[in-house]
C-alpha atoms as a PDB file:
ATOM      1  CA  MET A   1       4.965  14.850 -24.333  1.00  0.00           C
ATOM      2  CA  LYS A   2       4.848  17.732 -21.820  1.00  0.00           C
ATOM      3  CA  GLN A   3       1.324  17.655 -21.438  1.00  0.00           C
ATOM      4  CA  GLU A   4       1.044  13.470 -21.407  1.00  0.00           C
ATOM      5  CA  ALA A   5       3.823  14.215 -17.994  1.00  0.00           C
ATOM      6  CA  LEU A   6       1.412  16.669 -16.701  1.00  0.00           C
ATOM      7  CA  ARG A   7      -1.606  14.831 -16.655  1.00  0.00           C
ATOM      8  CA  GLY A   8       0.739  11.638 -15.262  1.00  0.00           C
ATOM      9  CA  LYS A   9       1.922  13.899 -12.371  1.00  0.00           C
ATOM     10  CA  ILE A  10      -1.693  14.879 -11.781  1.00  0.00           C
ATOM     11  CA  SER A  11      -2.735  11.093 -11.827  1.00  0.00           C
ATOM     12  CA  LEU A  12      -0.373   9.771  -9.361  1.00  0.00           C
ATOM     13  CA  LEU A  13      -0.942  13.248  -7.099  1.00  0.00           C
ATOM     14  CA  LEU A  14      -4.737  11.993  -7.196  1.00  0.00           C
ATOM     15  CA  ALA A  15      -3.699   8.484  -6.551  1.00  0.00           C
ATOM     16  CA  THR A  16      -2.068   9.131  -3.098  1.00  0.00           C
ATOM     17  CA  MET A  17      -5.001  11.491  -2.246  1.00  0.00           C
ATOM     18  CA  LEU A  18      -7.504   8.446  -2.931  1.00  0.00           C
ATOM     19  CA  ALA A  19      -4.638   6.142  -1.385  1.00  0.00           C
ATOM     20  CA  ALA A  20      -5.147   8.001   2.150  1.00  0.00           C
ATOM     21  CA  VAL A  21      -9.153   7.706   1.477  1.00  0.00           C
ATOM     22  CA  GLY A  22      -8.651   3.839   1.344  1.00  0.00           C
ATOM     23  CA  TRP A  23      -6.751   4.417   5.033  1.00  0.00           C
ATOM     24  CA  ILE A  24      -9.646   6.028   6.346  1.00  0.00           C
ATOM     25  CA  SER A  25     -12.744   4.779   5.260  1.00  0.00           C
ATOM     26  CA  SER A  26     -10.789   0.906   5.823  1.00  0.00           C
ATOM     27  CA  LYS A  27     -10.830   2.112   9.528  1.00  0.00           C
ATOM     28  CA  LEU A  28     -14.512   2.868   9.399  1.00  0.00           C
ATOM     29  CA  VAL A  29     -15.372  -0.139   7.703  1.00  0.00           C
ATOM     30  CA  ILE A  30     -13.603  -2.811   9.741  1.00  0.00           C
ATOM     31  CA  LEU A  31     -15.125  -1.391  12.774  1.00  0.00           C
ATOM     32  CA  GLU A  32     -18.560  -3.018  12.053  1.00  0.00           C
ATOM     33  CA  MET A  33     -17.395  -5.452   9.323  1.00  0.00           C
ATOM     34  CA  PRO A  34     -15.050  -8.373  10.265  1.00  0.00           C
ATOM     35  CA  GLY A  35     -11.465  -8.137   8.397  1.00  0.00           C
ATOM     36  CA  GLU A  36     -11.797 -11.237   6.303  1.00  0.00           C
ATOM     37  CA  VAL A  37     -15.062 -10.483   4.981  1.00  0.00           C
ATOM     38  CA  PHE A  38     -13.830  -6.721   4.209  1.00  0.00           C
ATOM     39  CA  ILE A  39     -11.085  -8.057   1.876  1.00  0.00           C
ATOM     40  CA  ALA A  40     -12.534 -10.849   0.132  1.00  0.00           C
ATOM     41  CA  ALA A  41     -15.560  -8.494  -0.717  1.00  0.00           C
ATOM     42  CA  ARG A  42     -13.282  -5.674  -1.452  1.00  0.00           C
ATOM     43  CA  PHE A  43     -10.760  -6.602  -3.517  1.00  0.00           C
ATOM     44  CA  LEU A  44     -12.868  -9.121  -5.548  1.00  0.00           C
ATOM     45  CA  ILE A  45     -15.470  -6.506  -6.282  1.00  0.00           C
ATOM     46  CA  ALA A  46     -12.317  -4.580  -7.375  1.00  0.00           C
ATOM     47  CA  SER A  47     -10.744  -6.514  -9.732  1.00  0.00           C
ATOM     48  CA  LEU A  48     -14.131  -7.356 -11.281  1.00  0.00           C
ATOM     49  CA  ILE A  49     -14.169  -3.301 -11.625  1.00  0.00           C
ATOM     50  CA  LEU A  50     -11.047  -3.286 -13.546  1.00  0.00           C
ATOM     51  CA  LEU A  51     -11.981  -6.569 -15.536  1.00  0.00           C
ATOM     52  CA  PRO A  52     -13.434  -4.936 -18.821  1.00  0.00           C
ATOM     53  CA  PHE A  53     -10.217  -2.940 -19.232  1.00  0.00           C
ATOM     54  CA  CYS A  54      -8.063  -5.604 -19.666  1.00  0.00           C
ATOM     55  CA  TYR A  55      -9.815  -8.715 -19.828  1.00  0.00           C
ATOM     56  CA  LYS A  56      -8.490  -9.664 -23.514  1.00  0.00           C
ATOM     57  CA  GLN A  57      -4.907  -9.193 -21.993  1.00  0.00           C
ATOM     58  CA  ILE A  58      -5.411 -11.860 -19.240  1.00  0.00           C
ATOM     59  CA  TYR A  59      -6.983 -14.452 -21.856  1.00  0.00           C
ATOM     60  CA  ALA A  60      -4.102 -13.827 -23.781  1.00  0.00           C
ATOM     61  CA  LEU A  61      -1.775 -14.721 -20.805  1.00  0.00           C
ATOM     62  CA  ARG A  62       0.018 -17.934 -21.030  1.00  0.00           C
ATOM     63  CA  PRO A  63      -0.342 -20.447 -17.978  1.00  0.00           C
ATOM     64  CA  LYS A  64       3.109 -19.842 -16.457  1.00  0.00           C
ATOM     65  CA  GLN A  65       2.617 -16.373 -16.576  1.00  0.00           C
ATOM     66  CA  ILE A  66      -0.633 -16.719 -14.603  1.00  0.00           C
ATOM     67  CA  ALA A  67       0.991 -18.766 -12.220  1.00  0.00           C
ATOM     68  CA  ALA A  68       3.842 -15.909 -11.457  1.00  0.00           C
ATOM     69  CA  LEU A  69       0.940 -13.426 -11.205  1.00  0.00           C
ATOM     70  CA  GLY A  70      -0.970 -15.299  -8.383  1.00  0.00           C
ATOM     71  CA  GLY A  71       1.963 -15.916  -6.501  1.00  0.00           C
ATOM     72  CA  VAL A  72       3.428 -12.507  -6.402  1.00  0.00           C
ATOM     73  CA  GLY A  73      -0.642 -11.728  -5.643  1.00  0.00           C
ATOM     74  CA  MET A  74      -0.621 -14.207  -2.637  1.00  0.00           C
ATOM     75  CA  VAL A  75       2.362 -12.192  -1.307  1.00  0.00           C
ATOM     76  CA  LEU A  76       0.277  -8.872  -1.684  1.00  0.00           C
ATOM     77  CA  ALA A  77      -2.793 -10.744  -0.118  1.00  0.00           C
ATOM     78  CA  ALA A  78      -0.432 -11.569   2.902  1.00  0.00           C
ATOM     79  CA  SER A  79       0.574  -7.819   3.029  1.00  0.00           C
ATOM     80  CA  ILE A  80      -2.828  -6.746   3.097  1.00  0.00           C
ATOM     81  CA  GLU A  81      -3.806  -9.002   5.636  1.00  0.00           C
ATOM     82  CA  VAL A  82      -1.688  -7.884   8.118  1.00  0.00           C
ATOM     83  CA  TRP A  83      -2.428  -4.121   7.258  1.00  0.00           C
ATOM     84  CA  VAL A  84      -6.135  -4.530   8.126  1.00  0.00           C
ATOM     85  CA  HIS A  85      -5.321  -6.495  11.295  1.00  0.00           C
ATOM     86  CA  ALA A  86      -2.946  -3.786  12.295  1.00  0.00           C
ATOM     87  CA  ILE A  87      -5.599  -1.244  11.241  1.00  0.00           C
ATOM     88  CA  THR A  88      -8.501  -3.044  13.657  1.00  0.00           C
ATOM     89  CA  ILE A  89      -6.106  -2.896  16.609  1.00  0.00           C
ATOM     90  CA  SER A  90      -4.361   0.986  15.978  1.00  0.00           C
ATOM     91  CA  SER A  91      -5.827   4.095  17.505  1.00  0.00           C
ATOM     92  CA  THR A  92      -3.630   6.123  15.354  1.00  0.00           C
ATOM     93  CA  LEU A  93      -3.309   5.489  11.391  1.00  0.00           C
ATOM     94  CA  SER A  94      -0.591   8.371  10.656  1.00  0.00           C
ATOM     95  CA  GLU A  95       1.826   6.484  12.396  1.00  0.00           C
ATOM     96  CA  GLY A  96       0.869   3.363  10.205  1.00  0.00           C
ATOM     97  CA  ALA A  97       1.209   5.027   7.296  1.00  0.00           C
ATOM     98  CA  PHE A  98       4.781   6.766   7.933  1.00  0.00           C
ATOM     99  CA  ILE A  99       5.726   2.774   8.711  1.00  0.00           C
ATOM    100  CA  MET A 100       4.498   1.495   5.715  1.00  0.00           C
ATOM    101  CA  SER A 101       5.897   4.219   3.461  1.00  0.00           C
ATOM    102  CA  LEU A 102       9.095   2.346   4.891  1.00  0.00           C
ATOM    103  CA  ALA A 103       8.468  -0.396   2.192  1.00  0.00           C
ATOM    104  CA  MET A 104      10.783   1.699  -0.264  1.00  0.00           C
ATOM    105  CA  ILE A 105      14.061   1.345   2.131  1.00  0.00           C
ATOM    106  CA  ILE A 106      13.181  -2.557   3.197  1.00  0.00           C
ATOM    107  CA  ALA A 107      13.015  -3.430  -0.678  1.00  0.00           C
ATOM    108  CA  PRO A 108      16.730  -3.165  -1.558  1.00  0.00           C
ATOM    109  CA  PHE A 109      17.435  -5.399   1.263  1.00  0.00           C
ATOM    110  CA  ILE A 110      15.015  -7.526   0.085  1.00  0.00           C
ATOM    111  CA  SER A 111      16.510  -7.827  -3.456  1.00  0.00           C
ATOM    112  CA  TRP A 112      20.051  -8.263  -1.805  1.00  0.00           C
ATOM    113  CA  LEU A 113      18.861 -11.302   0.154  1.00  0.00           C
ATOM    114  CA  LEU A 114      16.814 -13.351  -2.756  1.00  0.00           C
ATOM    115  CA  PHE A 115      18.827 -11.735  -5.965  1.00  0.00           C
ATOM    116  CA  LYS A 116      22.228 -10.484  -4.626  1.00  0.00           C
ATOM    117  CA  VAL A 117      21.826  -7.186  -5.924  1.00  0.00           C
ATOM    118  CA  LYS A 118      23.436  -5.148  -3.677  1.00  0.00           C
ATOM    119  CA  PRO A 119      22.223  -1.708  -2.747  1.00  0.00           C
ATOM    120  CA  ASN A 120      23.407   1.857  -3.518  1.00  0.00           C
ATOM    121  CA  ARG A 121      25.358   4.230  -1.438  1.00  0.00           C
ATOM    122  CA  MET A 122      22.259   6.275  -1.114  1.00  0.00           C
ATOM    123  CA  PHE A 123      20.715   3.614   0.576  1.00  0.00           C
ATOM    124  CA  TRP A 124      23.326   3.238   3.158  1.00  0.00           C
ATOM    125  CA  ILE A 125      23.235   7.221   3.637  1.00  0.00           C
ATOM    126  CA  SER A 126      19.385   6.941   3.853  1.00  0.00           C
ATOM    127  CA  LEU A 127      18.824   4.229   6.546  1.00  0.00           C
ATOM    128  CA  PRO A 128      20.419   5.652   9.503  1.00  0.00           C
ATOM    129  CA  ILE A 129      18.208   9.066   9.044  1.00  0.00           C
ATOM    130  CA  THR A 130      15.076   6.581   8.773  1.00  0.00           C
ATOM    131  CA  CYS A 131      16.174   4.626  11.869  1.00  0.00           C
ATOM    132  CA  ILE A 132      16.106   8.140  13.742  1.00  0.00           C
ATOM    133  CA  GLY A 133      12.603   8.575  12.415  1.00  0.00           C
ATOM    134  CA  ILE A 134      11.186   5.435  13.553  1.00  0.00           C
ATOM    135  CA  MET A 135      12.716   5.976  16.785  1.00  0.00           C
ATOM    136  CA  LEU A 136      11.041   9.057  17.387  1.00  0.00           C
ATOM    137  CA  LEU A 137       8.028   7.523  15.569  1.00  0.00           C
ATOM    138  CA  THR A 138       7.055   4.466  17.936  1.00  0.00           C
ATOM    139  CA  ILE A 139       9.288   5.205  20.862  1.00  0.00           C
ATOM    140  CA  THR A 140       7.354   7.793  23.203  1.00  0.00           C
ATOM    141  CA  THR A 141       6.984   6.198  26.656  1.00  0.00           C
ATOM    142  CA  GLY A 142      10.008   4.619  26.980  1.00  0.00           C
ATOM    143  CA  TRP A 143      11.384   1.563  24.833  1.00  0.00           C
ATOM    144  CA  GLU A 144       7.984  -0.077  24.278  1.00  0.00           C
ATOM    145  CA  VAL A 145       6.480  -0.315  20.443  1.00  0.00           C
ATOM    146  CA  ASP A 146       2.699  -0.820  20.113  1.00  0.00           C
ATOM    147  CA  ASN A 147       1.616  -3.917  18.592  1.00  0.00           C
ATOM    148  CA  SER A 148      -0.183  -2.898  15.963  1.00  0.00           C
ATOM    149  CA  GLN A 149       3.321  -0.690  14.768  1.00  0.00           C
ATOM    150  CA  TRP A 150       5.274  -3.973  14.544  1.00  0.00           C
ATOM    151  CA  PHE A 151       2.403  -5.221  12.371  1.00  0.00           C
ATOM    152  CA  PHE A 152       2.530  -2.235  10.075  1.00  0.00           C
ATOM    153  CA  LEU A 153       5.968  -2.525  10.029  1.00  0.00           C
ATOM    154  CA  LEU A 154       5.704  -6.725   8.996  1.00  0.00           C
ATOM    155  CA  SER A 155       3.164  -5.277   6.419  1.00  0.00           C
ATOM    156  CA  SER A 156       5.859  -2.840   5.017  1.00  0.00           C
ATOM    157  CA  ALA A 157       8.446  -5.768   4.842  1.00  0.00           C
ATOM    158  CA  LEU A 158       5.866  -7.754   3.090  1.00  0.00           C
ATOM    159  CA  LEU A 159       4.524  -4.879   0.638  1.00  0.00           C
ATOM    160  CA  SER A 160       8.489  -4.775  -0.304  1.00  0.00           C
ATOM    161  CA  LEU A 161       8.881  -8.242  -0.957  1.00  0.00           C
ATOM    162  CA  HIS A 162       5.807  -7.542  -3.364  1.00  0.00           C
ATOM    163  CA  PHE A 163       7.480  -4.646  -4.976  1.00  0.00           C
ATOM    164  CA  VAL A 164      10.621  -6.873  -5.731  1.00  0.00           C
ATOM    165  CA  LEU A 165       9.063  -9.676  -6.989  1.00  0.00           C
ATOM    166  CA  ASN A 166       6.404  -7.631  -8.991  1.00  0.00           C
ATOM    167  CA  LYS A 167       9.091  -5.901 -11.060  1.00  0.00           C
ATOM    168  CA  ARG A 168      10.418  -9.188 -12.349  1.00  0.00           C
ATOM    169  CA  VAL A 169       6.815 -10.832 -12.915  1.00  0.00           C
ATOM    170  CA  LEU A 170       5.993  -7.472 -15.064  1.00  0.00           C
ATOM    171  CA  THR A 171       8.154  -8.341 -17.611  1.00  0.00           C
ATOM    172  CA  ASN A 172       5.950  -8.563 -21.156  1.00  0.00           C
ATOM    173  CA  ILE A 173       2.931  -7.990 -18.778  1.00  0.00           C
ATOM    174  CA  LYS A 174       0.980  -5.079 -18.535  1.00  0.00           C
ATOM    175  CA  PRO A 175       0.295  -2.675 -15.547  1.00  0.00           C
ATOM    176  CA  LEU A 176      -2.863  -3.044 -15.222  1.00  0.00           C
ATOM    177  CA  THR A 177      -3.659  -6.601 -16.469  1.00  0.00           C
ATOM    178  CA  SER A 178      -1.198  -7.599 -13.616  1.00  0.00           C
ATOM    179  CA  ILE A 179      -3.200  -5.171 -11.230  1.00  0.00           C
ATOM    180  CA  CYS A 180      -6.349  -7.128 -12.034  1.00  0.00           C
ATOM    181  CA  VAL A 181      -5.161 -10.357 -11.511  1.00  0.00           C
ATOM    182  CA  GLN A 182      -3.502 -10.192  -8.438  1.00  0.00           C
ATOM    183  CA  LEU A 183      -6.284  -7.890  -6.743  1.00  0.00           C
ATOM    184  CA  PHE A 184      -8.666 -10.893  -7.642  1.00  0.00           C
ATOM    185  CA  MET A 185      -6.139 -13.087  -5.961  1.00  0.00           C
ATOM    186  CA  VAL A 186      -6.321 -11.219  -2.795  1.00  0.00           C
ATOM    187  CA  GLY A 187     -10.150 -11.847  -2.609  1.00  0.00           C
ATOM    188  CA  ILE A 188      -9.566 -15.342  -3.249  1.00  0.00           C
ATOM    189  CA  VAL A 189      -7.016 -15.336  -0.213  1.00  0.00           C
ATOM    190  CA  GLY A 190      -9.216 -13.306   1.796  1.00  0.00           C
ATOM    191  CA  CYS A 191     -12.051 -16.104   1.020  1.00  0.00           C
ATOM    192  CA  VAL A 192      -9.972 -18.678   2.058  1.00  0.00           C
ATOM    193  CA  ILE A 193      -9.064 -17.282   5.390  1.00  0.00           C
ATOM    194  CA  MET A 194     -13.266 -15.774   5.879  1.00  0.00           C
ATOM    195  CA  ALA A 195     -13.815 -19.722   5.369  1.00  0.00           C
ATOM    196  CA  ALA A 196     -11.353 -20.850   7.855  1.00  0.00           C
ATOM    197  CA  VAL A 197     -11.775 -18.205  10.587  1.00  0.00           C
ATOM    198  CA  SER A 198     -15.850 -17.967  10.429  1.00  0.00           C
ATOM    199  CA  PRO A 199     -16.226 -14.410  11.234  1.00  0.00           C
ATOM    200  CA  GLU A 200     -18.835 -13.235  13.734  1.00  0.00           C
ATOM    201  CA  HIS A 201     -22.373 -12.056  12.244  1.00  0.00           C
ATOM    202  CA  PHE A 202     -22.906  -8.509  11.559  1.00  0.00           C
ATOM    203  CA  GLU A 203     -25.457  -6.143  10.404  1.00  0.00           C
ATOM    204  CA  ILE A 204     -24.970  -4.037   7.413  1.00  0.00           C
ATOM    205  CA  ASN A 205     -26.173  -0.370   7.243  1.00  0.00           C
ATOM    206  CA  GLY A 206     -26.036   2.461   5.184  1.00  0.00           C
ATOM    207  CA  HIS A 207     -23.075   4.047   6.996  1.00  0.00           C
ATOM    208  CA  VAL A 208     -21.021   0.605   6.381  1.00  0.00           C
ATOM    209  CA  LEU A 209     -22.168  -0.081   2.766  1.00  0.00           C
ATOM    210  CA  PHE A 210     -21.237   3.745   1.908  1.00  0.00           C
ATOM    211  CA  TRP A 211     -17.685   3.611   3.366  1.00  0.00           C
ATOM    212  CA  PHE A 212     -17.048  -0.169   2.010  1.00  0.00           C
ATOM    213  CA  ALA A 213     -17.934   1.706  -1.341  1.00  0.00           C
ATOM    214  CA  VAL A 214     -15.412   4.285  -1.275  1.00  0.00           C
ATOM    215  CA  SER A 215     -13.169   1.854  -0.075  1.00  0.00           C
ATOM    216  CA  THR A 216     -13.669  -0.438  -3.102  1.00  0.00           C
ATOM    217  CA  VAL A 217     -14.502   1.852  -5.916  1.00  0.00           C
ATOM    218  CA  ILE A 218     -12.543   4.911  -5.249  1.00  0.00           C
ATOM    219  CA  ALA A 219      -9.465   4.003  -2.749  1.00  0.00           C
ATOM    220  CA  THR A 220      -8.905   0.568  -4.426  1.00  0.00           C
ATOM    221  CA  SER A 221     -10.065   0.350  -8.645  1.00  0.00           C
ATOM    222  CA  VAL A 222     -10.122   3.776  -9.424  1.00  0.00           C
ATOM    223  CA  ARG A 223      -6.801   4.320  -7.237  1.00  0.00           C
ATOM    224  CA  TYR A 224      -4.760   1.520  -9.138  1.00  0.00           C
ATOM    225  CA  LEU A 225      -6.249   2.482 -12.628  1.00  0.00           C
ATOM    226  CA  LEU A 226      -4.527   6.813 -12.022  1.00  0.00           C
ATOM    227  CA  GLN A 227      -1.616   5.254 -10.467  1.00  0.00           C
ATOM    228  CA  THR A 228      -1.010   2.815 -13.858  1.00  0.00           C
ATOM    229  CA  VAL A 229      -1.686   5.924 -16.198  1.00  0.00           C
ATOM    230  CA  GLY A 230       0.814   8.263 -13.749  1.00  0.00           C
ATOM    231  CA  GLN A 231       3.494   5.786 -13.743  1.00  0.00           C
ATOM    232  CA  PHE A 232       3.232   5.244 -17.718  1.00  0.00           C
ATOM    233  CA  SER A 233       3.817   8.832 -18.130  1.00  0.00           C
ATOM    234  CA  VAL A 234       6.945   9.918 -15.899  1.00  0.00           C
ATOM    235  CA  LYS A 235       9.924   9.071 -14.994  1.00  0.00           C
ATOM    236  CA  ILE A 236       9.848   6.173 -12.394  1.00  0.00           C
ATOM    237  CA  GLU A 237      11.628   8.845  -9.883  1.00  0.00           C
ATOM    238  CA  THR A 238       9.034  11.100 -10.197  1.00  0.00           C
ATOM    239  CA  ALA A 239       6.675   8.654  -9.370  1.00  0.00           C
ATOM    240  CA  SER A 240       8.206   7.386  -6.500  1.00  0.00           C
ATOM    241  CA  LEU A 241       8.663  11.395  -4.745  1.00  0.00           C
ATOM    242  CA  ILE A 242       4.441  12.073  -5.586  1.00  0.00           C
ATOM    243  CA  MET A 243       3.736   8.599  -4.084  1.00  0.00           C
ATOM    244  CA  ILE A 244       5.732   9.556  -0.618  1.00  0.00           C
ATOM    245  CA  LEU A 245       2.687  11.838   0.144  1.00  0.00           C
ATOM    246  CA  GLU A 246       0.724   9.261   0.851  1.00  0.00           C
ATOM    247  CA  PRO A 247       1.336   9.627   4.475  1.00  0.00           C
ATOM    248  CA  ILE A 248       1.116  13.246   4.738  1.00  0.00           C
ATOM    249  CA  TRP A 249      -2.449  13.188   3.337  1.00  0.00           C
ATOM    250  CA  THR A 250      -3.277  10.200   5.887  1.00  0.00           C
ATOM    251  CA  LEU A 251      -2.215  12.081   8.963  1.00  0.00           C
ATOM    252  CA  ILE A 252      -4.650  15.612   7.568  1.00  0.00           C
ATOM    253  CA  LEU A 253      -7.253  12.893   7.014  1.00  0.00           C
ATOM    254  CA  SER A 254      -7.095  10.783  10.054  1.00  0.00           C
ATOM    255  CA  ILE A 255      -7.000  14.188  11.936  1.00  0.00           C
ATOM    256  CA  SER A 256     -10.234  15.406  10.259  1.00  0.00           C
ATOM    257  CA  PHE A 257     -12.144  12.336  10.435  1.00  0.00           C
ATOM    258  CA  LEU A 258     -10.886   9.939  13.287  1.00  0.00           C
ATOM    259  CA  ASP A 259      -9.725  13.229  15.806  1.00  0.00           C
ATOM    260  CA  GLU A 260      -6.742  11.746  16.108  1.00  0.00           C
ATOM    261  CA  VAL A 261      -4.194  13.875  18.088  1.00  0.00           C
ATOM    262  CA  VAL A 262      -0.559  13.547  17.165  1.00  0.00           C
ATOM    263  CA  GLU A 263       2.210  14.529  19.308  1.00  0.00           C
ATOM    264  CA  MET A 264       5.072  16.650  17.841  1.00  0.00           C
ATOM    265  CA  GLN A 265       7.433  13.981  18.224  1.00  0.00           C
ATOM    266  CA  LYS A 266       5.798  11.774  15.871  1.00  0.00           C
ATOM    267  CA  LEU A 267       5.233  14.542  13.333  1.00  0.00           C
ATOM    268  CA  ILE A 268       8.773  14.916  13.506  1.00  0.00           C
ATOM    269  CA  GLY A 269       9.675  11.230  13.266  1.00  0.00           C
ATOM    270  CA  GLY A 270       6.960  10.820   9.909  1.00  0.00           C
ATOM    271  CA  GLY A 271       9.328  14.177   8.850  1.00  0.00           C
ATOM    272  CA  VAL A 272      12.828  12.605   9.285  1.00  0.00           C
ATOM    273  CA  ILE A 273      11.032   9.249   7.837  1.00  0.00           C
ATOM    274  CA  LEU A 274       9.774  11.501   4.649  1.00  0.00           C
ATOM    275  CA  LEU A 275      13.455  12.877   4.594  1.00  0.00           C
ATOM    276  CA  SER A 276      15.223   9.640   4.289  1.00  0.00           C
ATOM    277  CA  LEU A 277      13.173   8.563   1.554  1.00  0.00           C
ATOM    278  CA  PHE A 278      13.299  12.023  -0.325  1.00  0.00           C
ATOM    279  CA  ILE A 279      16.983  11.585  -0.349  1.00  0.00           C
ATOM    280  CA  TYR A 280      17.068   8.149  -1.460  1.00  0.00           C
ATOM    281  CA  ILE A 281      14.920   8.234  -4.171  1.00  0.00           C
ATOM    282  CA  LYS A 282      16.404  12.031  -5.398  1.00  0.00           C
ATOM    283  CA  TYR A 283      19.771  11.058  -5.459  1.00  0.00           C
ATOM    284  CA  SER A 284      19.895   7.265  -5.796  1.00  0.00           C
ATOM    285  CA  LYS A 285      19.815   7.462  -9.538  1.00  0.00           C
ATOM    286  CA  LYS A 286      22.732   9.843  -9.764  1.00  0.00           C
END
């Protein structure tokens, strides 16, 4: 059991690193490829890569289960569409990663509004700390917030909605099966949007293909496989604590690959947000 738990923790740690790679690779791809094309191709291919691992379970799903997974997948698609737009107009990925990590704090609000599940005491203790972190992270030149930050916040809220709904839908459905169907739905939504907006012509070169492959295979398919294995092997509190490392890896990679310069105030703001998440996850089950 201890070895299984250790493998689970390592899998989750690697998953957070690959998620951060996804931020960088996505930014590098959409500099040369329309976001709609990127989303459609990336998630359709990623779902097909996962399909051999769960096609029997998908075939066994009832129509009602498929419809539920499709609906939750559409929420995930909305979050990702907004996320890609935010990345497209943003010059600082690390800020976006810290804002996206707020999904875990927003989720209790969503659950309260939709299902009347009141947040626990630690949520209300963590919330003001989170607000301080957001202020430090976003307000550096007066009370003016960059447009991309609003889109990151909207994407985070949609991701929170996805978390809440996904937990309800996952009853009697294996996580990998759910992930495969939902990634496919994200790709289908991307295709619909691509057909509606008629994206501009673009050229495919070796640079785009390389980072697209990294984003699709490594940062999506492999990442979700590792995340699924990890979540099966460790407690949810431990998994959540490991997953909040994602914005830290994103910050390191954005500085290394994109030459991003991060002000000290924003670093402190990101640290305060991580502190609030740590307090909420660590002590909310006590």
